[in-house]
Structures are given as structure tokens and as C-alpha cells.
Amino acid sequence: MASTTTDTSDAGGIAIESEHNGDREHKIFRLLDLPPELWIAICRLAVTFPDPVVIANGKGFLWENIRQPAITHSCSMIRKETIAIFQANHFVCDDSMSNMGLDVISRLKIMNQKPSFTNLVIESSFPGAINFFNAHLKGAGLQVIESVANRESSVHPGRMVTVLRVITMANIKAQ
């Protein structure tokens, strides 16, 4: 069986393995050789999610859902085009199953150490949630503001929640 390998260190190169007539061949797909409108469209598809990403306790939650997709690490040009698109996805912290929001707070503190998410909300049905979250998040440089009161939960249909938008203290000072 003939096998060839190709260096994938070139910017924008994506390794592709194909098999033809029993022979394996490694080639590089030069994403950045495509017209910009095509490779940007491909990258957008790789980093956008049609539904909100729910950050909650319980089965089914994967931390990988909030980690940056691998394509954002392939080269600086692709990262520049995709990171803001990824961070604009709709992320929802659900505090209904957490320990009075403490798990949500620890997750938000971890997320704040990484690039900021521009569309991150907490859905809470707990009275006094704004004061509770602000008291615990202030030290992490985060604050919540009420976005929508008494709306049906996007995570748990039939449950009425207050939607709290998470913002960074840096964003508050800039305004």
C-alpha cells in the first residue's frame, strides 16, 4: 500500500485523508485558496449554532459546546474571522437544576477567563436572582442586568423565568 504524508503546518491547510484503489493518500485542502466569500461561509457554518447552547447541570451537557471550535485554532486569519461569530452564539445558563445558582456562578467565572461571550444570559425563576448573581459575580468582573421579566424558558417550556444578561465590568465602564 502506498502512503504519502504532507506537512500541514501551512496556514489554512486542512489535512484530508482519502483512499483510492486501496492506496491511502494524505493531501492538504487549501481552505484559504478558495475565494474569501466561500471560506468565510464555510467557517461560519463551523462556528454557529442554530439553537441556544444551554449551560446546565445534568446529562447531555458537554463543556465542548462552549469551547471554541477547532477551526478557530487553525490559523490567525481564520481565527480573526470566526471568533467573534462564535462568541455571538446564544448561550443560556439554566439555574433551575443548580445549587441555588452556585454552579452557574462557578461556570461564569471560568468562562470570563476566556474570551468574552457577547450573547450570554441566565434564565432564573428564583426571587432576588439579580442581587444574588451580582453579589457573587462582582469579584469576577461580571454583572447581570434584567433583560426580560416573566418569559417562558427556552430550556424548560412552561416554566416562567427572568432573563438576566451577563455583562463584563469592562463593558459597563466603556459605555
C-alpha atoms as a PDB file:
ATOM      1  CA  MET A   1       0.000   0.000   0.000  1.00  0.00           C
ATOM      2  CA  ALA A   2       1.431   3.377  -0.992  1.00  0.00           C
ATOM      3  CA  SER A   3       1.215   6.117   1.587  1.00  0.00           C
ATOM      4  CA  THR A   4       2.264   9.720   1.383  1.00  0.00           C
ATOM      5  CA  THR A   5       2.157  12.393   4.033  1.00  0.00           C
ATOM      6  CA  THR A   6       2.188  16.104   3.592  1.00  0.00           C
ATOM      7  CA  ASP A   7       3.140  18.807   6.064  1.00  0.00           C
ATOM      8  CA  THR A   8       0.003  20.553   7.349  1.00  0.00           C
ATOM      9  CA  SER A   9       1.812  23.450   9.025  1.00  0.00           C
ATOM     10  CA  ASP A  10       0.972  25.780   6.140  1.00  0.00           C
ATOM     11  CA  ALA A  11      -1.551  28.467   7.163  1.00  0.00           C
ATOM     12  CA  GLY A  12      -5.084  27.479   6.279  1.00  0.00           C
ATOM     13  CA  GLY A  13      -4.210  23.917   5.312  1.00  0.00           C
ATOM     14  CA  ILE A  14      -6.556  21.180   6.474  1.00  0.00           C
ATOM     15  CA  ALA A  15      -5.346  17.584   6.290  1.00  0.00           C
ATOM     16  CA  ILE A  16      -7.610  15.243   4.358  1.00  0.00           C
ATOM     17  CA  GLU A  17      -7.114  11.505   4.163  1.00  0.00           C
ATOM     18  CA  SER A  18      -8.561   9.718   1.165  1.00  0.00           C
ATOM     19  CA  GLU A  19      -8.454   6.186  -0.120  1.00  0.00           C
ATOM     20  CA  HIS A  20      -8.387   5.408  -3.820  1.00  0.00           C
ATOM     21  CA  ASN A  21      -7.798   1.922  -5.233  1.00  0.00           C
ATOM     22  CA  GLY A  22      -6.686   0.646  -1.832  1.00  0.00           C
ATOM     23  CA  ASP A  23      -3.969   3.299  -1.515  1.00  0.00           C
ATOM     24  CA  ARG A  24      -4.139   5.838   1.264  1.00  0.00           C
ATOM     25  CA  GLU A  25      -3.133   9.337   0.438  1.00  0.00           C
ATOM     26  CA  HIS A  26      -2.761  12.416   2.642  1.00  0.00           C
ATOM     27  CA  LYS A  27      -3.406  15.745   0.986  1.00  0.00           C
ATOM     28  CA  ILE A  28      -3.879  19.272   2.183  1.00  0.00           C
ATOM     29  CA  PHE A  29      -7.101  21.058   1.370  1.00  0.00           C
ATOM     30  CA  ARG A  30      -6.101  24.686   0.998  1.00  0.00           C
ATOM     31  CA  LEU A  31      -9.108  26.418   2.519  1.00  0.00           C
ATOM     32  CA  LEU A  32      -7.616  29.875   2.106  1.00  0.00           C
ATOM     33  CA  ASP A  33      -7.033  29.272  -1.609  1.00  0.00           C
ATOM     34  CA  LEU A  34     -10.808  29.452  -2.069  1.00  0.00           C
ATOM     35  CA  PRO A  35     -12.373  32.862  -2.710  1.00  0.00           C
ATOM     36  CA  PRO A  36     -12.819  34.695   0.618  1.00  0.00           C
ATOM     37  CA  GLU A  37     -16.617  34.605   0.476  1.00  0.00           C
ATOM     38  CA  LEU A  38     -16.503  30.787   0.255  1.00  0.00           C
ATOM     39  CA  TRP A  39     -14.031  30.077   3.037  1.00  0.00           C
ATOM     40  CA  ILE A  40     -15.715  32.627   5.315  1.00  0.00           C
ATOM     41  CA  ALA A  41     -19.085  30.929   4.672  1.00  0.00           C
ATOM     42  CA  ILE A  42     -17.530  27.533   5.478  1.00  0.00           C
ATOM     43  CA  CYS A  43     -16.031  28.903   8.696  1.00  0.00           C
ATOM     44  CA  ARG A  44     -19.357  30.488   9.716  1.00  0.00           C
ATOM     45  CA  LEU A  45     -21.049  27.111   9.335  1.00  0.00           C
ATOM     46  CA  ALA A  46     -18.409  25.551  11.580  1.00  0.00           C
ATOM     47  CA  VAL A  47     -18.844  28.027  14.456  1.00  0.00           C
ATOM     48  CA  THR A  48     -22.547  28.934  14.544  1.00  0.00           C
ATOM     49  CA  PHE A  49     -25.296  27.007  16.290  1.00  0.00           C
ATOM     50  CA  PRO A  50     -28.976  27.226  15.274  1.00  0.00           C
ATOM     51  CA  ASP A  51     -30.283  26.665  18.821  1.00  0.00           C
ATOM     52  CA  PRO A  52     -29.171  28.243  22.095  1.00  0.00           C
ATOM     53  CA  VAL A  53     -26.332  26.415  23.824  1.00  0.00           C
ATOM     54  CA  VAL A  54     -27.636  25.536  27.282  1.00  0.00           C
ATOM     55  CA  ILE A  55     -25.093  25.615  30.085  1.00  0.00           C
ATOM     56  CA  ALA A  56     -26.684  23.493  32.804  1.00  0.00           C
ATOM     57  CA  ASN A  57     -26.143  20.611  35.160  1.00  0.00           C
ATOM     58  CA  GLY A  58     -27.295  17.172  34.243  1.00  0.00           C
ATOM     59  CA  LYS A  59     -26.935  14.671  31.482  1.00  0.00           C
ATOM     60  CA  GLY A  60     -26.448  15.890  27.971  1.00  0.00           C
ATOM     61  CA  PHE A  61     -24.400  18.993  28.810  1.00  0.00           C
ATOM     62  CA  LEU A  62     -20.985  18.961  27.195  1.00  0.00           C
ATOM     63  CA  TRP A  63     -18.339  21.542  28.031  1.00  0.00           C
ATOM     64  CA  GLU A  64     -17.199  21.130  24.433  1.00  0.00           C
ATOM     65  CA  ASN A  65     -20.319  23.055  23.385  1.00  0.00           C
ATOM     66  CA  ILE A  66     -18.896  26.266  24.830  1.00  0.00           C
ATOM     67  CA  ARG A  67     -15.273  25.686  23.901  1.00  0.00           C
ATOM     68  CA  GLN A  68     -14.037  27.306  20.754  1.00  0.00           C
ATOM     69  CA  PRO A  69     -14.349  25.049  17.717  1.00  0.00           C
ATOM     70  CA  ALA A  70     -11.051  23.638  16.449  1.00  0.00           C
ATOM     71  CA  ILE A  71     -11.224  25.674  13.249  1.00  0.00           C
ATOM     72  CA  THR A  72     -10.669  28.849  15.314  1.00  0.00           C
ATOM     73  CA  HIS A  73      -7.216  27.493  16.214  1.00  0.00           C
ATOM     74  CA  SER A  74      -6.090  26.640  12.673  1.00  0.00           C
ATOM     75  CA  CYS A  75      -4.524  29.991  11.757  1.00  0.00           C
ATOM     76  CA  SER A  76      -4.722  33.644  12.770  1.00  0.00           C
ATOM     77  CA  MET A  77      -6.644  34.708   9.671  1.00  0.00           C
ATOM     78  CA  ILE A  78      -9.408  32.139  10.245  1.00  0.00           C
ATOM     79  CA  ARG A  79      -9.442  32.915  13.981  1.00  0.00           C
ATOM     80  CA  LYS A  80      -9.855  36.624  13.252  1.00  0.00           C
ATOM     81  CA  GLU A  81     -12.862  35.912  11.013  1.00  0.00           C
ATOM     82  CA  THR A  82     -14.559  33.326  13.242  1.00  0.00           C
ATOM     83  CA  ILE A  83     -14.013  34.069  16.930  1.00  0.00           C
ATOM     84  CA  ALA A  84     -16.485  36.968  17.143  1.00  0.00           C
ATOM     85  CA  ILE A  85     -19.080  34.907  15.252  1.00  0.00           C
ATOM     86  CA  PHE A  86     -18.652  32.015  17.702  1.00  0.00           C
ATOM     87  CA  GLN A  87     -18.865  34.314  20.727  1.00  0.00           C
ATOM     88  CA  ALA A  88     -22.109  35.834  19.380  1.00  0.00           C
ATOM     89  CA  ASN A  89     -23.905  32.462  19.593  1.00  0.00           C
ATOM     90  CA  HIS A  90     -26.776  32.410  22.068  1.00  0.00           C
ATOM     91  CA  PHE A  91     -25.575  30.836  25.354  1.00  0.00           C
ATOM     92  CA  VAL A  92     -28.110  30.225  28.145  1.00  0.00           C
ATOM     93  CA  CYS A  93     -27.158  29.396  31.740  1.00  0.00           C
ATOM     94  CA  ASP A  94     -30.003  27.427  33.304  1.00  0.00           C
ATOM     95  CA  ASP A  95     -30.035  27.709  37.086  1.00  0.00           C
ATOM     96  CA  SER A  96     -33.095  25.502  37.655  1.00  0.00           C
ATOM     97  CA  MET A  97     -31.059  22.393  38.432  1.00  0.00           C
ATOM     98  CA  SER A  98     -28.099  24.078  40.058  1.00  0.00           C
ATOM     99  CA  ASN A  99     -27.297  24.558  43.695  1.00  0.00           C
ATOM    100  CA  MET A 100     -29.141  27.927  44.009  1.00  0.00           C
ATOM    101  CA  GLY A 101     -27.096  29.258  41.120  1.00  0.00           C
ATOM    102  CA  LEU A 102     -23.693  28.439  42.623  1.00  0.00           C
ATOM    103  CA  ASP A 103     -22.819  26.083  39.774  1.00  0.00           C
ATOM    104  CA  VAL A 104     -23.790  28.762  37.256  1.00  0.00           C
ATOM    105  CA  ILE A 105     -21.578  31.255  39.087  1.00  0.00           C
ATOM    106  CA  SER A 106     -18.553  28.938  39.023  1.00  0.00           C
ATOM    107  CA  ARG A 107     -19.081  28.301  35.305  1.00  0.00           C
ATOM    108  CA  LEU A 108     -19.382  32.018  34.540  1.00  0.00           C
ATOM    109  CA  LYS A 109     -16.167  32.739  36.455  1.00  0.00           C
ATOM    110  CA  ILE A 110     -14.371  30.116  34.364  1.00  0.00           C
ATOM    111  CA  MET A 111     -15.874  31.437  31.132  1.00  0.00           C
ATOM    112  CA  ASN A 112     -14.867  35.015  31.985  1.00  0.00           C
ATOM    113  CA  GLN A 113     -11.203  33.930  31.998  1.00  0.00           C
ATOM    114  CA  LYS A 114     -11.589  33.106  28.315  1.00  0.00           C
ATOM    115  CA  PRO A 115     -12.673  35.456  25.503  1.00  0.00           C
ATOM    116  CA  SER A 116     -15.982  37.092  26.344  1.00  0.00           C
ATOM    117  CA  PHE A 117     -19.269  35.814  25.023  1.00  0.00           C
ATOM    118  CA  THR A 118     -21.472  38.610  23.677  1.00  0.00           C
ATOM    119  CA  ASN A 119     -24.834  36.846  23.946  1.00  0.00           C
ATOM    120  CA  LEU A 120     -24.788  35.103  27.335  1.00  0.00           C
ATOM    121  CA  VAL A 121     -27.894  35.060  29.534  1.00  0.00           C
ATOM    122  CA  ILE A 122     -29.077  33.371  32.732  1.00  0.00           C
ATOM    123  CA  GLU A 123     -32.629  32.094  32.920  1.00  0.00           C
ATOM    124  CA  SER A 124     -33.741  32.178  36.540  1.00  0.00           C
ATOM    125  CA  SER A 125     -37.019  31.689  38.363  1.00  0.00           C
ATOM    126  CA  PHE A 126     -35.521  32.452  41.783  1.00  0.00           C
ATOM    127  CA  PRO A 127     -36.738  35.649  43.521  1.00  0.00           C
ATOM    128  CA  GLY A 128     -33.911  38.133  44.011  1.00  0.00           C
ATOM    129  CA  ALA A 129     -31.752  36.470  41.343  1.00  0.00           C
ATOM    130  CA  ILE A 130     -30.263  39.772  40.149  1.00  0.00           C
ATOM    131  CA  ASN A 131     -28.919  40.684  43.598  1.00  0.00           C
ATOM    132  CA  PHE A 132     -27.740  37.123  44.238  1.00  0.00           C
ATOM    133  CA  PHE A 133     -25.793  36.802  40.984  1.00  0.00           C
ATOM    134  CA  ASN A 134     -24.367  40.336  41.146  1.00  0.00           C
ATOM    135  CA  ALA A 135     -23.104  39.769  44.701  1.00  0.00           C
ATOM    136  CA  HIS A 136     -21.302  36.586  43.672  1.00  0.00           C
ATOM    137  CA  LEU A 137     -20.042  37.687  40.243  1.00  0.00           C
ATOM    138  CA  LYS A 138     -18.684  41.137  41.130  1.00  0.00           C
ATOM    139  CA  GLY A 139     -15.312  39.702  42.165  1.00  0.00           C
ATOM    140  CA  ALA A 140     -15.018  38.013  38.769  1.00  0.00           C
ATOM    141  CA  GLY A 141     -15.626  41.293  36.931  1.00  0.00           C
ATOM    142  CA  LEU A 142     -19.127  40.289  35.822  1.00  0.00           C
ATOM    143  CA  GLN A 143     -22.553  41.766  36.380  1.00  0.00           C
ATOM    144  CA  VAL A 144     -26.097  40.778  35.389  1.00  0.00           C
ATOM    145  CA  ILE A 145     -28.862  43.089  34.252  1.00  0.00           C
ATOM    146  CA  GLU A 146     -32.505  42.226  33.737  1.00  0.00           C
ATOM    147  CA  SER A 147     -33.217  41.700  30.073  1.00  0.00           C
ATOM    148  CA  VAL A 148     -36.743  40.234  30.060  1.00  0.00           C
ATOM    149  CA  ALA A 149     -39.063  39.624  33.004  1.00  0.00           C
ATOM    150  CA  ASN A 150     -41.528  36.727  33.162  1.00  0.00           C
ATOM    151  CA  ARG A 151     -40.860  34.953  29.914  1.00  0.00           C
ATOM    152  CA  GLU A 152     -41.259  31.269  29.151  1.00  0.00           C
ATOM    153  CA  SER A 153     -37.965  29.418  29.496  1.00  0.00           C
ATOM    154  CA  SER A 154     -36.181  28.429  26.303  1.00  0.00           C
ATOM    155  CA  VAL A 155     -34.807  25.427  28.210  1.00  0.00           C
ATOM    156  CA  HIS A 156     -37.907  24.270  30.106  1.00  0.00           C
ATOM    157  CA  PRO A 157     -41.163  25.088  28.260  1.00  0.00           C
ATOM    158  CA  GLY A 158     -43.918  26.085  30.665  1.00  0.00           C
ATOM    159  CA  ARG A 159     -41.501  27.472  33.287  1.00  0.00           C
ATOM    160  CA  MET A 160     -41.621  31.249  33.686  1.00  0.00           C
ATOM    161  CA  VAL A 161     -38.222  32.872  34.132  1.00  0.00           C
ATOM    162  CA  THR A 162     -36.495  36.213  34.283  1.00  0.00           C
ATOM    163  CA  VAL A 163     -33.768  36.544  31.672  1.00  0.00           C
ATOM    164  CA  LEU A 164     -30.605  38.141  33.037  1.00  0.00           C
ATOM    165  CA  ARG A 165     -27.981  39.333  30.584  1.00  0.00           C
ATOM    166  CA  VAL A 166     -24.374  38.772  31.701  1.00  0.00           C
ATOM    167  CA  ILE A 167     -22.019  41.663  31.008  1.00  0.00           C
ATOM    168  CA  THR A 168     -18.426  42.386  31.977  1.00  0.00           C
ATOM    169  CA  MET A 169     -17.425  45.331  34.133  1.00  0.00           C
ATOM    170  CA  ALA A 170     -15.177  46.472  31.261  1.00  0.00           C
ATOM    171  CA  ASN A 171     -18.263  46.801  29.040  1.00  0.00           C
ATOM    172  CA  ILE A 172     -20.003  48.879  31.727  1.00  0.00           C
ATOM    173  CA  LYS A 173     -17.030  51.273  32.037  1.00  0.00           C
ATOM    174  CA  ALA A 174     -16.823  51.633  28.239  1.00  0.00           C
ATOM    175  CA  GLN A 175     -20.451  52.808  27.999  1.00  0.00           C
END
